[in-house]
Amino acid sequence: MTIPTIVVNYSGDNAIYPHEAEAIYQQSPAGDKTIHQVDGGHFGMPLASAPNQGGRQEAIKLIAQWLRERFPGR
């Protein structure tokens, strides 16, 4: 799949670890690909050490910005 690709991984996810997200990113043949690691637990819940940072809200901002850059005016 060579369409623009974004990989977002939570630092504390207990199902997809950062090295696995990196492998997914590296294996993508897309010319336009981006990877982000967001502080958060499984399902994007905030970490206990930073309850007001990261998590789903940060991931949503990253994804929305990524989409706006590639698909303006939509």
C-alpha atoms as a PDB file:
ATOM      1  CA  MET A   1       0.000   0.000   0.000  1.00  0.00           C
ATOM      2  CA  THR A   2       1.706   3.190  -1.147  1.00  0.00           C
ATOM      3  CA  ILE A   3      -0.897   5.725  -0.064  1.00  0.00           C
ATOM      4  CA  PRO A   4       0.090   8.280   2.619  1.00  0.00           C
ATOM      5  CA  THR A   5       0.453   6.415   5.886  1.00  0.00           C
ATOM      6  CA  ILE A   6       0.466   7.498   9.525  1.00  0.00           C
ATOM      7  CA  VAL A   7       1.411   5.211  12.405  1.00  0.00           C
ATOM      8  CA  VAL A   8       0.451   6.421  15.885  1.00  0.00           C
ATOM      9  CA  ASN A   9       1.544   4.397  18.889  1.00  0.00           C
ATOM     10  CA  TYR A  10       0.967   4.925  22.607  1.00  0.00           C
ATOM     11  CA  SER A  11       4.122   4.664  24.706  1.00  0.00           C
ATOM     12  CA  GLY A  12       2.396   2.524  27.325  1.00  0.00           C
ATOM     13  CA  ASP A  13       0.296   0.345  25.017  1.00  0.00           C
ATOM     14  CA  ASN A  14       0.444  -3.265  26.156  1.00  0.00           C
ATOM     15  CA  ALA A  15      -0.569  -4.733  22.794  1.00  0.00           C
ATOM     16  CA  ILE A  16       1.629  -2.920  20.255  1.00  0.00           C
ATOM     17  CA  TYR A  17       5.016  -1.979  21.640  1.00  0.00           C
ATOM     18  CA  PRO A  18       7.070   0.928  20.265  1.00  0.00           C
ATOM     19  CA  HIS A  19       9.480  -1.392  18.445  1.00  0.00           C
ATOM     20  CA  GLU A  20       6.514  -3.070  16.718  1.00  0.00           C
ATOM     21  CA  ALA A  21       5.078   0.283  15.630  1.00  0.00           C
ATOM     22  CA  GLU A  22       8.519   1.174  14.263  1.00  0.00           C
ATOM     23  CA  ALA A  23       8.599  -2.114  12.328  1.00  0.00           C
ATOM     24  CA  ILE A  24       5.161  -1.375  10.846  1.00  0.00           C
ATOM     25  CA  TYR A  25       6.400   2.057   9.816  1.00  0.00           C
ATOM     26  CA  GLN A  26       9.627   0.697   8.325  1.00  0.00           C
ATOM     27  CA  GLN A  27       7.779  -1.983   6.336  1.00  0.00           C
ATOM     28  CA  SER A  28       5.398   0.518   4.731  1.00  0.00           C
ATOM     29  CA  PRO A  29       6.360   1.127   1.104  1.00  0.00           C
ATOM     30  CA  ALA A  30       4.646   4.534   1.150  1.00  0.00           C
ATOM     31  CA  GLY A  31       6.763   7.472   0.038  1.00  0.00           C
ATOM     32  CA  ASP A  32       4.794   9.702   2.396  1.00  0.00           C
ATOM     33  CA  LYS A  33       4.830   8.080   5.796  1.00  0.00           C
ATOM     34  CA  THR A  34       4.898   9.431   9.319  1.00  0.00           C
ATOM     35  CA  ILE A  35       5.284   7.883  12.750  1.00  0.00           C
ATOM     36  CA  HIS A  36       4.377   9.398  16.116  1.00  0.00           C
ATOM     37  CA  GLN A  37       4.651   8.037  19.615  1.00  0.00           C
ATOM     38  CA  VAL A  38       2.178   9.570  22.038  1.00  0.00           C
ATOM     39  CA  ASP A  39       2.461   9.275  25.803  1.00  0.00           C
ATOM     40  CA  GLY A  40      -0.476   7.124  26.807  1.00  0.00           C
ATOM     41  CA  GLY A  41      -1.515   3.725  28.015  1.00  0.00           C
ATOM     42  CA  HIS A  42      -3.508   0.966  26.399  1.00  0.00           C
ATOM     43  CA  PHE A  43      -6.434   2.378  24.360  1.00  0.00           C
ATOM     44  CA  GLY A  44      -4.854   5.833  24.669  1.00  0.00           C
ATOM     45  CA  MET A  45      -5.691   6.402  28.291  1.00  0.00           C
ATOM     46  CA  PRO A  46      -3.472   9.036  29.957  1.00  0.00           C
ATOM     47  CA  LEU A  47      -0.544   7.736  31.951  1.00  0.00           C
ATOM     48  CA  ALA A  48      -0.909   7.925  35.737  1.00  0.00           C
ATOM     49  CA  SER A  49       2.308   9.952  35.836  1.00  0.00           C
ATOM     50  CA  ALA A  50       0.876  12.569  33.412  1.00  0.00           C
ATOM     51  CA  PRO A  51      -2.928  12.512  33.681  1.00  0.00           C
ATOM     52  CA  ASN A  52      -3.395  15.790  31.769  1.00  0.00           C
ATOM     53  CA  GLN A  53      -1.029  15.095  28.885  1.00  0.00           C
ATOM     54  CA  GLY A  54      -0.852  12.835  25.878  1.00  0.00           C
ATOM     55  CA  GLY A  55      -3.419  10.144  25.351  1.00  0.00           C
ATOM     56  CA  ARG A  56      -6.241  10.262  22.862  1.00  0.00           C
ATOM     57  CA  GLN A  57      -6.445  14.054  22.762  1.00  0.00           C
ATOM     58  CA  GLU A  58      -2.852  14.384  21.580  1.00  0.00           C
ATOM     59  CA  ALA A  59      -3.285  11.543  19.083  1.00  0.00           C
ATOM     60  CA  ILE A  60      -6.403  13.201  17.646  1.00  0.00           C
ATOM     61  CA  LYS A  61      -4.534  16.497  17.210  1.00  0.00           C
ATOM     62  CA  LEU A  62      -1.667  14.767  15.403  1.00  0.00           C
ATOM     63  CA  ILE A  63      -3.978  12.845  13.097  1.00  0.00           C
ATOM     64  CA  ALA A  64      -6.151  15.881  12.337  1.00  0.00           C
ATOM     65  CA  GLN A  65      -3.089  17.980  11.452  1.00  0.00           C
ATOM     66  CA  TRP A  66      -1.705  15.169   9.291  1.00  0.00           C
ATOM     67  CA  LEU A  67      -5.024  14.937   7.415  1.00  0.00           C
ATOM     68  CA  ARG A  68      -5.281  18.729   6.946  1.00  0.00           C
ATOM     69  CA  GLU A  69      -1.787  18.812   5.430  1.00  0.00           C
ATOM     70  CA  ARG A  70      -2.639  16.129   2.895  1.00  0.00           C
ATOM     71  CA  PHE A  71      -6.298  16.824   2.179  1.00  0.00           C
ATOM     72  CA  PRO A  72      -6.835  20.604   2.512  1.00  0.00           C
ATOM     73  CA  GLY A  73     -10.293  22.046   2.211  1.00  0.00           C
ATOM     74  CA  ARG A  74     -12.122  18.957   3.338  1.00  0.00           C
END
